[in-house]
Amino acid sequence: MRLTGQGLECVRGGRSIFSGLDFEVPAGQALAVTGVNGAGKSSLLRIVAGLLPAAGGAMTLEGGEAELTLPEQAHYLGHRDALKPSLTVLENLDFWRNFLGGEAIDGTASLEAVGLGHAVHLPSAFLSAGQRRRLSIARLIAVNRPVWLLDEPTSALDTAGQAMVADLMGAHLRSGGIILAATHGPLGIAAKELRIGGDA
């Protein structure tokens, strides 16, 4: 399996953010997307996830499921945690498991893996910022998808949480997965770097 971007261009508000961007990430590897604020790191992830249209270029996932689009084979973890505050931790995760479809893993086991096993029946409105991030990360392992698109995955997490994310990413890569992560700091795993230019 291989994720490839060729000649990608992003235009926002009539302004070219980046153009002619090429990269490839084979199975079992991670690519860290770096650059100053406003360089287009988040925009690149959103293009790959199908949430923004590319102004030019093409994305391909070689070796994936032929009947599925790239976004249907990818998890996107953005800045916002996308949780319903009135639902419990487990209900939030079950919502995403049903919405995303595909091969699902037991929700309680996924919550245990991110350190939220004690909070399954707690309304998410009572979670701290770090706990909300952990709940969002649980989606990555609750539904099996080969491509992870992670935007600052360790934001709001303490040292233990950062180590947990690194462990999960490492396990995903060892199983043949692909990671494309926008980051300002180290991911805690081996990763090649794609630096995007731009103004702060």
N, C-alpha and C. Protein backbone atom coordinates (compact mmCIF):
# COMPACT_ATOMS: atom_id res chain seq x y z
N MET A 1 0.85 -1.19 0.00
CA MET A 1 0.00 0.00 0.00
C MET A 1 0.88 1.24 0.00
N ARG A 2 0.46 2.29 -0.71
CA ARG A 2 1.25 3.50 -0.81
C ARG A 2 0.32 4.71 -1.03
N LEU A 3 0.51 5.73 -0.20
CA LEU A 3 -0.23 6.99 -0.34
C LEU A 3 0.66 7.98 -1.08
N THR A 4 0.13 8.53 -2.18
CA THR A 4 0.93 9.40 -3.03
C THR A 4 0.18 10.69 -3.34
N GLY A 5 0.89 11.80 -3.23
CA GLY A 5 0.37 13.10 -3.66
C GLY A 5 1.26 13.63 -4.77
N GLN A 6 0.66 14.09 -5.85
CA GLN A 6 1.43 14.59 -7.00
C GLN A 6 0.93 15.96 -7.40
N GLY A 7 1.82 16.95 -7.35
CA GLY A 7 1.50 18.29 -7.81
C GLY A 7 0.35 18.95 -7.10
N LEU A 8 0.19 18.67 -5.83
CA LEU A 8 -0.96 19.20 -5.10
C LEU A 8 -0.87 20.72 -4.93
N GLU A 9 -2.01 21.36 -5.10
CA GLU A 9 -2.10 22.81 -4.90
C GLU A 9 -3.29 23.12 -4.03
N CYS A 10 -3.11 24.07 -3.12
CA CYS A 10 -4.18 24.51 -2.23
C CYS A 10 -4.36 26.01 -2.37
N VAL A 11 -5.61 26.42 -2.63
CA VAL A 11 -5.95 27.84 -2.72
C VAL A 11 -7.03 28.12 -1.70
N ARG A 12 -6.79 29.10 -0.82
CA ARG A 12 -7.78 29.49 0.18
C ARG A 12 -8.00 30.99 0.10
N GLY A 13 -9.25 31.40 -0.04
CA GLY A 13 -9.56 32.83 -0.11
C GLY A 13 -8.89 33.53 -1.28
N GLY A 14 -8.74 32.81 -2.39
CA GLY A 14 -8.11 33.38 -3.57
C GLY A 14 -6.60 33.45 -3.50
N ARG A 15 -6.01 32.90 -2.45
CA ARG A 15 -4.56 32.93 -2.26
C ARG A 15 -3.99 31.52 -2.32
N SER A 16 -2.91 31.35 -3.08
CA SER A 16 -2.25 30.05 -3.16
C SER A 16 -1.47 29.81 -1.87
N ILE A 17 -1.81 28.75 -1.18
CA ILE A 17 -1.13 28.41 0.07
C ILE A 17 0.11 27.57 -0.23
N PHE A 18 -0.04 26.57 -1.10
CA PHE A 18 1.11 25.81 -1.59
C PHE A 18 0.75 25.26 -2.96
N SER A 19 1.77 24.89 -3.73
CA SER A 19 1.54 24.33 -5.06
C SER A 19 2.70 23.41 -5.41
N GLY A 20 2.44 22.50 -6.36
CA GLY A 20 3.47 21.58 -6.81
C GLY A 20 3.99 20.67 -5.72
N LEU A 21 3.14 20.31 -4.78
CA LEU A 21 3.57 19.51 -3.64
C LEU A 21 3.52 18.02 -3.98
N ASP A 22 4.64 17.34 -3.81
CA ASP A 22 4.74 15.90 -4.08
C ASP A 22 5.19 15.18 -2.82
N PHE A 23 4.61 14.00 -2.58
CA PHE A 23 5.08 13.14 -1.48
C PHE A 23 4.56 11.74 -1.71
N GLU A 24 5.17 10.79 -1.02
CA GLU A 24 4.64 9.43 -1.00
C GLU A 24 4.98 8.79 0.34
N VAL A 25 4.04 8.00 0.82
CA VAL A 25 4.20 7.33 2.11
C VAL A 25 3.83 5.85 1.92
N PRO A 26 4.80 4.97 1.95
CA PRO A 26 4.49 3.54 1.82
C PRO A 26 3.95 2.96 3.11
N ALA A 27 3.38 1.78 3.01
CA ALA A 27 2.83 1.08 4.17
C ALA A 27 3.91 0.93 5.24
N GLY A 28 3.50 1.13 6.49
CA GLY A 28 4.42 0.97 7.60
C GLY A 28 5.28 2.18 7.88
N GLN A 29 4.98 3.31 7.23
CA GLN A 29 5.79 4.50 7.44
C GLN A 29 4.92 5.70 7.78
N ALA A 30 5.56 6.70 8.39
CA ALA A 30 4.89 7.94 8.76
C ALA A 30 5.59 9.12 8.10
N LEU A 31 4.81 10.13 7.77
CA LEU A 31 5.34 11.37 7.21
C LEU A 31 4.89 12.52 8.09
N ALA A 32 5.86 13.25 8.65
CA ALA A 32 5.56 14.40 9.50
C ALA A 32 5.55 15.65 8.64
N VAL A 33 4.42 16.34 8.59
CA VAL A 33 4.27 17.57 7.81
C VAL A 33 4.56 18.74 8.73
N THR A 34 5.61 19.51 8.42
CA THR A 34 6.03 20.60 9.27
C THR A 34 6.01 21.91 8.49
N GLY A 35 6.12 23.01 9.23
CA GLY A 35 6.13 24.33 8.61
C GLY A 35 5.58 25.35 9.58
N VAL A 36 5.74 26.62 9.24
CA VAL A 36 5.26 27.69 10.11
C VAL A 36 3.74 27.75 10.09
N ASN A 37 3.16 28.49 11.02
CA ASN A 37 1.72 28.70 11.03
C ASN A 37 1.28 29.32 9.71
N GLY A 38 0.22 28.78 9.13
CA GLY A 38 -0.29 29.31 7.88
C GLY A 38 0.35 28.72 6.64
N ALA A 39 1.27 27.77 6.84
CA ALA A 39 1.95 27.17 5.69
C ALA A 39 1.05 26.22 4.90
N GLY A 40 0.00 25.71 5.56
CA GLY A 40 -0.92 24.80 4.86
C GLY A 40 -0.89 23.37 5.34
N LYS A 41 -0.32 23.14 6.53
CA LYS A 41 -0.24 21.77 7.05
C LYS A 41 -1.63 21.17 7.25
N SER A 42 -2.50 21.90 7.95
CA SER A 42 -3.85 21.41 8.20
C SER A 42 -4.64 21.30 6.89
N SER A 43 -4.43 22.26 6.00
CA SER A 43 -5.14 22.23 4.72
C SER A 43 -4.76 21.00 3.91
N LEU A 44 -3.48 20.62 3.96
CA LEU A 44 -3.06 19.41 3.25
C LEU A 44 -3.79 18.19 3.78
N LEU A 45 -3.86 18.05 5.10
CA LEU A 45 -4.55 16.90 5.67
C LEU A 45 -6.02 16.89 5.28
N ARG A 46 -6.64 18.07 5.28
CA ARG A 46 -8.05 18.16 4.93
C ARG A 46 -8.29 17.84 3.45
N ILE A 47 -7.33 18.16 2.60
CA ILE A 47 -7.44 17.77 1.18
C ILE A 47 -7.38 16.26 1.04
N VAL A 48 -6.43 15.64 1.72
CA VAL A 48 -6.30 14.18 1.65
C VAL A 48 -7.56 13.51 2.22
N ALA A 49 -8.14 14.12 3.25
CA ALA A 49 -9.34 13.56 3.88
C ALA A 49 -10.60 13.82 3.07
N GLY A 50 -10.50 14.60 2.00
CA GLY A 50 -11.67 14.90 1.18
C GLY A 50 -12.54 16.00 1.73
N LEU A 51 -12.02 16.78 2.69
CA LEU A 51 -12.79 17.85 3.31
C LEU A 51 -12.58 19.19 2.62
N LEU A 52 -11.51 19.30 1.84
CA LEU A 52 -11.23 20.47 1.03
C LEU A 52 -10.90 20.01 -0.39
N PRO A 53 -11.34 20.76 -1.39
CA PRO A 53 -10.96 20.39 -2.76
C PRO A 53 -9.54 20.87 -3.05
N ALA A 54 -8.79 20.07 -3.77
CA ALA A 54 -7.47 20.50 -4.21
C ALA A 54 -7.63 21.38 -5.44
N ALA A 55 -6.85 22.46 -5.49
CA ALA A 55 -6.89 23.33 -6.67
C ALA A 55 -6.13 22.72 -7.84
N GLY A 56 -5.32 21.73 -7.56
CA GLY A 56 -4.57 21.04 -8.60
C GLY A 56 -3.90 19.82 -8.05
N GLY A 57 -3.46 18.93 -8.94
CA GLY A 57 -2.76 17.72 -8.52
C GLY A 57 -3.70 16.56 -8.26
N ALA A 58 -3.14 15.48 -7.76
CA ALA A 58 -3.92 14.26 -7.55
C ALA A 58 -3.41 13.49 -6.34
N MET A 59 -4.33 12.76 -5.70
CA MET A 59 -4.02 11.87 -4.58
C MET A 59 -4.38 10.46 -4.97
N THR A 60 -3.53 9.50 -4.64
CA THR A 60 -3.83 8.10 -4.90
C THR A 60 -3.44 7.25 -3.70
N LEU A 61 -4.17 6.16 -3.50
CA LEU A 61 -3.84 5.16 -2.50
C LEU A 61 -3.70 3.83 -3.22
N GLU A 62 -2.47 3.46 -3.54
CA GLU A 62 -2.23 2.20 -4.22
C GLU A 62 -2.33 1.05 -3.23
N GLY A 63 -3.01 0.00 -3.64
CA GLY A 63 -3.11 -1.18 -2.79
C GLY A 63 -4.22 -1.13 -1.78
N GLY A 64 -5.06 -0.10 -1.84
CA GLY A 64 -6.21 -0.03 -0.94
C GLY A 64 -7.39 -0.78 -1.49
N GLU A 65 -8.55 -0.60 -0.86
CA GLU A 65 -9.78 -1.23 -1.33
C GLU A 65 -10.26 -0.50 -2.59
N ALA A 66 -10.33 -1.20 -3.69
CA ALA A 66 -10.64 -0.57 -4.98
C ALA A 66 -12.02 0.08 -5.01
N GLU A 67 -12.97 -0.48 -4.25
CA GLU A 67 -14.34 0.05 -4.28
C GLU A 67 -14.54 1.21 -3.32
N LEU A 68 -13.52 1.57 -2.56
CA LEU A 68 -13.64 2.66 -1.60
C LEU A 68 -12.76 3.83 -2.02
N THR A 69 -13.22 5.04 -1.71
CA THR A 69 -12.40 6.22 -1.97
C THR A 69 -11.31 6.33 -0.91
N LEU A 70 -10.34 7.19 -1.17
CA LEU A 70 -9.29 7.43 -0.17
C LEU A 70 -9.86 7.92 1.15
N PRO A 71 -10.77 8.94 1.16
CA PRO A 71 -11.34 9.37 2.44
C PRO A 71 -12.05 8.27 3.20
N GLU A 72 -12.64 7.31 2.48
CA GLU A 72 -13.34 6.20 3.15
C GLU A 72 -12.37 5.21 3.77
N GLN A 73 -11.09 5.34 3.45
CA GLN A 73 -10.08 4.44 4.02
C GLN A 73 -9.15 5.18 4.98
N ALA A 74 -9.54 6.40 5.34
CA ALA A 74 -8.69 7.22 6.19
C ALA A 74 -9.44 7.72 7.41
N HIS A 75 -8.71 7.83 8.52
CA HIS A 75 -9.19 8.52 9.71
C HIS A 75 -8.62 9.93 9.69
N TYR A 76 -9.46 10.92 9.98
CA TYR A 76 -8.99 12.30 10.10
C TYR A 76 -9.19 12.76 11.53
N LEU A 77 -8.10 13.14 12.18
CA LEU A 77 -8.15 13.67 13.54
C LEU A 77 -7.74 15.14 13.47
N GLY A 78 -8.73 16.03 13.57
CA GLY A 78 -8.46 17.46 13.44
C GLY A 78 -8.27 18.14 14.78
N HIS A 79 -8.26 19.47 14.76
CA HIS A 79 -8.08 20.24 15.99
C HIS A 79 -9.29 20.10 16.91
N ARG A 80 -10.48 20.04 16.32
CA ARG A 80 -11.69 19.94 17.13
C ARG A 80 -12.00 18.47 17.39
N ASP A 81 -12.49 18.21 18.60
CA ASP A 81 -12.69 16.83 19.01
C ASP A 81 -14.03 16.23 18.55
N ALA A 82 -14.93 17.05 18.06
CA ALA A 82 -16.20 16.57 17.47
C ALA A 82 -16.94 15.61 18.39
N LEU A 83 -17.24 16.08 19.60
CA LEU A 83 -17.96 15.28 20.58
C LEU A 83 -19.29 15.94 20.92
N LYS A 84 -20.28 15.11 21.25
CA LYS A 84 -21.57 15.61 21.72
C LYS A 84 -21.53 15.63 23.25
N PRO A 85 -21.58 16.81 23.87
CA PRO A 85 -21.40 16.89 25.32
C PRO A 85 -22.45 16.16 26.14
N SER A 86 -23.66 16.01 25.58
CA SER A 86 -24.73 15.35 26.34
C SER A 86 -24.62 13.83 26.32
N LEU A 87 -23.81 13.29 25.42
CA LEU A 87 -23.63 11.84 25.34
C LEU A 87 -22.49 11.39 26.24
N THR A 88 -22.57 10.17 26.71
CA THR A 88 -21.49 9.64 27.51
C THR A 88 -20.28 9.35 26.63
N VAL A 89 -19.18 9.05 27.28
CA VAL A 89 -17.95 8.72 26.57
C VAL A 89 -18.19 7.56 25.62
N LEU A 90 -18.82 6.49 26.11
CA LEU A 90 -19.07 5.32 25.27
C LEU A 90 -20.08 5.63 24.17
N GLU A 91 -21.10 6.41 24.47
CA GLU A 91 -22.10 6.76 23.46
C GLU A 91 -21.47 7.58 22.33
N ASN A 92 -20.57 8.49 22.69
CA ASN A 92 -19.86 9.24 21.66
C ASN A 92 -19.06 8.32 20.75
N LEU A 93 -18.35 7.40 21.35
CA LEU A 93 -17.53 6.49 20.55
C LEU A 93 -18.41 5.59 19.69
N ASP A 94 -19.53 5.11 20.26
CA ASP A 94 -20.44 4.26 19.49
C ASP A 94 -21.04 5.02 18.31
N PHE A 95 -21.31 6.32 18.49
CA PHE A 95 -21.81 7.14 17.38
C PHE A 95 -20.81 7.12 16.23
N TRP A 96 -19.53 7.33 16.53
CA TRP A 96 -18.52 7.37 15.49
C TRP A 96 -18.29 5.99 14.88
N ARG A 97 -18.38 4.95 15.68
CA ARG A 97 -18.23 3.59 15.14
C ARG A 97 -19.33 3.29 14.14
N ASN A 98 -20.56 3.70 14.45
CA ASN A 98 -21.68 3.47 13.53
C ASN A 98 -21.59 4.37 12.30
N PHE A 99 -21.15 5.61 12.50
CA PHE A 99 -21.06 6.56 11.40
C PHE A 99 -19.97 6.16 10.41
N LEU A 100 -18.82 5.74 10.94
CA LEU A 100 -17.69 5.41 10.08
C LEU A 100 -17.85 4.06 9.39
N GLY A 101 -18.57 3.15 10.04
CA GLY A 101 -18.78 1.84 9.45
C GLY A 101 -17.48 1.06 9.34
N GLY A 102 -17.53 -0.01 8.56
CA GLY A 102 -16.33 -0.82 8.36
C GLY A 102 -16.09 -1.78 9.52
N GLU A 103 -14.87 -2.26 9.59
CA GLU A 103 -14.50 -3.24 10.60
C GLU A 103 -14.31 -2.55 11.96
N ALA A 104 -15.25 -2.80 12.87
CA ALA A 104 -15.23 -2.11 14.17
C ALA A 104 -14.64 -3.00 15.25
N ILE A 105 -14.05 -2.37 16.25
CA ILE A 105 -13.48 -3.03 17.40
C ILE A 105 -14.30 -2.63 18.62
N ASP A 106 -14.38 -3.50 19.60
CA ASP A 106 -15.17 -3.23 20.80
C ASP A 106 -14.87 -1.85 21.37
N GLY A 107 -15.93 -1.07 21.60
CA GLY A 107 -15.76 0.30 22.06
C GLY A 107 -15.12 0.39 23.42
N THR A 108 -15.51 -0.47 24.35
CA THR A 108 -14.94 -0.43 25.69
C THR A 108 -13.45 -0.74 25.66
N ALA A 109 -13.06 -1.70 24.82
CA ALA A 109 -11.64 -2.03 24.69
C ALA A 109 -10.85 -0.85 24.13
N SER A 110 -11.45 -0.14 23.18
CA SER A 110 -10.79 1.03 22.60
C SER A 110 -10.60 2.12 23.65
N LEU A 111 -11.60 2.30 24.50
CA LEU A 111 -11.51 3.31 25.56
C LEU A 111 -10.47 2.91 26.61
N GLU A 112 -10.38 1.64 26.91
CA GLU A 112 -9.35 1.16 27.82
C GLU A 112 -7.97 1.48 27.26
N ALA A 113 -7.81 1.32 25.95
CA ALA A 113 -6.51 1.53 25.31
C ALA A 113 -6.04 2.97 25.40
N VAL A 114 -6.98 3.92 25.51
CA VAL A 114 -6.59 5.33 25.61
C VAL A 114 -6.73 5.87 27.03
N GLY A 115 -6.93 4.98 27.99
CA GLY A 115 -6.97 5.39 29.38
C GLY A 115 -8.29 5.96 29.85
N LEU A 116 -9.38 5.63 29.16
CA LEU A 116 -10.69 6.15 29.55
C LEU A 116 -11.66 5.04 29.98
N GLY A 117 -11.12 3.89 30.30
CA GLY A 117 -11.98 2.79 30.70
C GLY A 117 -12.81 3.08 31.93
N HIS A 118 -12.31 3.98 32.79
CA HIS A 118 -13.01 4.32 34.02
C HIS A 118 -14.15 5.31 33.79
N ALA A 119 -14.22 5.90 32.57
CA ALA A 119 -15.15 7.00 32.33
C ALA A 119 -16.19 6.68 31.26
N VAL A 120 -16.45 5.41 31.00
CA VAL A 120 -17.34 5.05 29.88
C VAL A 120 -18.73 5.64 30.03
N HIS A 121 -19.24 5.78 31.24
CA HIS A 121 -20.61 6.28 31.45
C HIS A 121 -20.65 7.75 31.86
N LEU A 122 -19.52 8.42 31.80
CA LEU A 122 -19.46 9.84 32.16
C LEU A 122 -19.84 10.69 30.96
N PRO A 123 -20.76 11.66 31.13
CA PRO A 123 -21.06 12.57 30.02
C PRO A 123 -19.79 13.29 29.56
N SER A 124 -19.60 13.41 28.26
CA SER A 124 -18.35 13.99 27.77
C SER A 124 -18.21 15.47 28.13
N ALA A 125 -19.31 16.11 28.53
CA ALA A 125 -19.24 17.50 28.97
C ALA A 125 -18.34 17.67 30.18
N PHE A 126 -18.14 16.59 30.95
CA PHE A 126 -17.33 16.67 32.16
C PHE A 126 -15.86 16.31 31.92
N LEU A 127 -15.49 16.01 30.70
CA LEU A 127 -14.12 15.62 30.41
C LEU A 127 -13.21 16.84 30.34
N SER A 128 -11.97 16.65 30.76
CA SER A 128 -10.96 17.69 30.58
C SER A 128 -10.55 17.74 29.10
N ALA A 129 -9.77 18.75 28.74
CA ALA A 129 -9.32 18.87 27.35
C ALA A 129 -8.49 17.65 26.94
N GLY A 130 -7.64 17.18 27.84
CA GLY A 130 -6.84 16.01 27.54
C GLY A 130 -7.68 14.75 27.39
N GLN A 131 -8.71 14.62 28.23
CA GLN A 131 -9.59 13.45 28.12
C GLN A 131 -10.42 13.49 26.84
N ARG A 132 -10.84 14.68 26.43
CA ARG A 132 -11.57 14.79 25.15
C ARG A 132 -10.67 14.37 23.99
N ARG A 133 -9.40 14.76 24.08
CA ARG A 133 -8.47 14.36 23.03
C ARG A 133 -8.31 12.85 23.02
N ARG A 134 -8.21 12.24 24.20
CA ARG A 134 -8.09 10.78 24.28
C ARG A 134 -9.31 10.10 23.65
N LEU A 135 -10.50 10.66 23.90
CA LEU A 135 -11.72 10.08 23.33
C LEU A 135 -11.70 10.18 21.81
N SER A 136 -11.25 11.30 21.28
CA SER A 136 -11.14 11.43 19.83
C SER A 136 -10.15 10.42 19.26
N ILE A 137 -9.05 10.22 19.97
CA ILE A 137 -8.04 9.26 19.51
C ILE A 137 -8.59 7.84 19.53
N ALA A 138 -9.52 7.55 20.45
CA ALA A 138 -10.11 6.20 20.51
C ALA A 138 -10.78 5.82 19.20
N ARG A 139 -11.25 6.81 18.43
CA ARG A 139 -11.85 6.53 17.12
C ARG A 139 -10.87 5.83 16.19
N LEU A 140 -9.59 6.18 16.32
CA LEU A 140 -8.58 5.61 15.42
C LEU A 140 -8.49 4.10 15.55
N ILE A 141 -8.71 3.61 16.75
CA ILE A 141 -8.58 2.16 16.96
C ILE A 141 -9.92 1.46 17.05
N ALA A 142 -11.01 2.23 17.18
CA ALA A 142 -12.34 1.61 17.27
C ALA A 142 -12.84 1.14 15.91
N VAL A 143 -12.37 1.77 14.85
CA VAL A 143 -12.72 1.37 13.49
C VAL A 143 -11.43 1.24 12.69
N ASN A 144 -11.22 0.10 12.08
CA ASN A 144 -9.97 -0.18 11.38
C ASN A 144 -9.93 0.54 10.03
N ARG A 145 -9.00 1.48 9.87
CA ARG A 145 -8.75 2.15 8.60
C ARG A 145 -7.24 2.27 8.42
N PRO A 146 -6.74 2.05 7.19
CA PRO A 146 -5.29 1.96 7.01
C PRO A 146 -4.54 3.29 7.07
N VAL A 147 -5.21 4.41 6.75
CA VAL A 147 -4.54 5.70 6.68
C VAL A 147 -5.00 6.58 7.83
N TRP A 148 -4.03 7.09 8.60
CA TRP A 148 -4.33 8.02 9.69
C TRP A 148 -3.83 9.40 9.30
N LEU A 149 -4.71 10.39 9.32
CA LEU A 149 -4.39 11.78 9.04
C LEU A 149 -4.53 12.54 10.35
N LEU A 150 -3.42 12.92 10.95
CA LEU A 150 -3.42 13.43 12.32
C LEU A 150 -2.92 14.87 12.35
N ASP A 151 -3.76 15.77 12.85
CA ASP A 151 -3.39 17.18 12.95
C ASP A 151 -3.05 17.49 14.41
N GLU A 152 -1.76 17.66 14.69
CA GLU A 152 -1.28 17.89 16.05
C GLU A 152 -1.91 16.87 17.02
N PRO A 153 -1.63 15.59 16.82
CA PRO A 153 -2.33 14.54 17.59
C PRO A 153 -2.11 14.59 19.09
N THR A 154 -1.01 15.18 19.55
CA THR A 154 -0.74 15.16 20.99
C THR A 154 -1.13 16.47 21.68
N SER A 155 -1.83 17.35 20.97
CA SER A 155 -2.23 18.61 21.61
C SER A 155 -3.14 18.33 22.80
N ALA A 156 -2.96 19.07 23.88
CA ALA A 156 -3.72 18.99 25.14
C ALA A 156 -3.39 17.75 25.97
N LEU A 157 -2.45 16.93 25.51
CA LEU A 157 -2.13 15.71 26.24
C LEU A 157 -0.92 15.91 27.15
N ASP A 158 -0.96 15.24 28.31
CA ASP A 158 0.19 15.26 29.20
C ASP A 158 1.25 14.27 28.70
N THR A 159 2.34 14.15 29.45
CA THR A 159 3.44 13.29 29.01
C THR A 159 2.99 11.85 28.81
N ALA A 160 2.16 11.35 29.73
CA ALA A 160 1.66 9.98 29.61
C ALA A 160 0.78 9.83 28.37
N GLY A 161 -0.04 10.84 28.10
CA GLY A 161 -0.90 10.80 26.93
C GLY A 161 -0.11 10.83 25.64
N GLN A 162 0.96 11.61 25.61
CA GLN A 162 1.81 11.66 24.43
C GLN A 162 2.48 10.32 24.17
N ALA A 163 2.90 9.67 25.24
CA ALA A 163 3.51 8.34 25.10
C ALA A 163 2.48 7.33 24.61
N MET A 164 1.24 7.45 25.09
CA MET A 164 0.17 6.56 24.64
C MET A 164 -0.06 6.71 23.15
N VAL A 165 -0.11 7.95 22.67
CA VAL A 165 -0.32 8.19 21.24
C VAL A 165 0.83 7.61 20.42
N ALA A 166 2.06 7.80 20.90
CA ALA A 166 3.22 7.25 20.20
C ALA A 166 3.13 5.72 20.12
N ASP A 167 2.68 5.09 21.20
CA ASP A 167 2.52 3.63 21.19
C ASP A 167 1.47 3.19 20.17
N LEU A 168 0.34 3.91 20.12
CA LEU A 168 -0.72 3.57 19.17
C LEU A 168 -0.26 3.76 17.74
N MET A 169 0.47 4.86 17.49
CA MET A 169 0.97 5.10 16.14
C MET A 169 1.97 4.03 15.73
N GLY A 170 2.84 3.66 16.67
CA GLY A 170 3.81 2.62 16.38
C GLY A 170 3.14 1.30 16.04
N ALA A 171 2.10 0.94 16.79
CA ALA A 171 1.38 -0.30 16.52
C ALA A 171 0.69 -0.25 15.16
N HIS A 172 0.14 0.92 14.81
CA HIS A 172 -0.52 1.08 13.51
C HIS A 172 0.49 0.88 12.38
N LEU A 173 1.66 1.45 12.52
CA LEU A 173 2.68 1.29 11.48
C LEU A 173 3.16 -0.15 11.38
N ARG A 174 3.33 -0.80 12.52
CA ARG A 174 3.79 -2.20 12.50
C ARG A 174 2.77 -3.11 11.83
N SER A 175 1.49 -2.72 11.85
CA SER A 175 0.46 -3.53 11.19
C SER A 175 0.32 -3.18 9.71
N GLY A 176 1.20 -2.31 9.19
CA GLY A 176 1.16 -1.96 7.78
C GLY A 176 0.39 -0.70 7.47
N GLY A 177 0.02 0.07 8.51
CA GLY A 177 -0.72 1.30 8.29
C GLY A 177 0.16 2.44 7.81
N ILE A 178 -0.48 3.55 7.48
CA ILE A 178 0.18 4.75 6.98
C ILE A 178 -0.24 5.92 7.85
N ILE A 179 0.70 6.80 8.18
CA ILE A 179 0.40 7.99 8.98
C ILE A 179 0.91 9.24 8.27
N LEU A 180 0.04 10.23 8.14
CA LEU A 180 0.40 11.56 7.67
C LEU A 180 0.02 12.52 8.79
N ALA A 181 1.01 13.15 9.42
CA ALA A 181 0.74 13.94 10.63
C ALA A 181 1.31 15.34 10.52
N ALA A 182 0.47 16.34 10.76
CA ALA A 182 0.92 17.72 10.85
C ALA A 182 1.36 17.97 12.28
N THR A 183 2.55 18.52 12.45
CA THR A 183 3.06 18.67 13.81
C THR A 183 4.07 19.82 13.91
N HIS A 184 4.13 20.41 15.10
CA HIS A 184 5.14 21.41 15.40
C HIS A 184 6.26 20.82 16.26
N GLY A 185 6.06 19.59 16.72
CA GLY A 185 7.04 18.97 17.60
C GLY A 185 7.24 17.51 17.24
N PRO A 186 8.09 16.82 17.97
CA PRO A 186 8.35 15.40 17.69
C PRO A 186 7.11 14.55 17.92
N LEU A 187 6.95 13.54 17.08
CA LEU A 187 5.79 12.64 17.17
C LEU A 187 6.03 11.49 18.14
N GLY A 188 7.28 11.21 18.44
CA GLY A 188 7.58 10.07 19.30
C GLY A 188 7.76 8.78 18.52
N ILE A 189 7.73 8.86 17.18
CA ILE A 189 7.95 7.70 16.31
C ILE A 189 8.88 8.14 15.18
N ALA A 190 9.49 7.17 14.52
CA ALA A 190 10.32 7.49 13.36
C ALA A 190 9.42 7.98 12.23
N ALA A 191 9.78 9.09 11.62
CA ALA A 191 8.98 9.66 10.54
C ALA A 191 9.86 10.49 9.62
N LYS A 192 9.60 10.37 8.33
CA LYS A 192 10.23 11.27 7.38
C LYS A 192 9.54 12.61 7.49
N GLU A 193 10.20 13.66 7.01
CA GLU A 193 9.65 15.02 7.14
C GLU A 193 9.32 15.63 5.79
N LEU A 194 8.16 16.25 5.72
CA LEU A 194 7.76 17.04 4.56
C LEU A 194 7.53 18.46 5.06
N ARG A 195 8.43 19.37 4.73
CA ARG A 195 8.30 20.75 5.19
C ARG A 195 7.61 21.58 4.12
N ILE A 196 6.55 22.27 4.54
CA ILE A 196 5.80 23.14 3.64
C ILE A 196 6.18 24.58 3.93
N GLY A 197 6.51 25.33 2.91
CA GLY A 197 6.85 26.73 3.10
C GLY A 197 5.59 27.57 3.24
N GLY A 198 5.76 28.81 3.70
CA GLY A 198 4.62 29.70 3.86
C GLY A 198 4.91 30.79 4.86
N ASP A 199 4.04 31.75 4.93
CA ASP A 199 4.23 32.86 5.85
C ASP A 199 3.49 32.58 7.15
N ALA A 200 4.02 33.05 8.23
CA ALA A 200 3.36 32.88 9.54
C ALA A 200 2.14 33.75 9.63
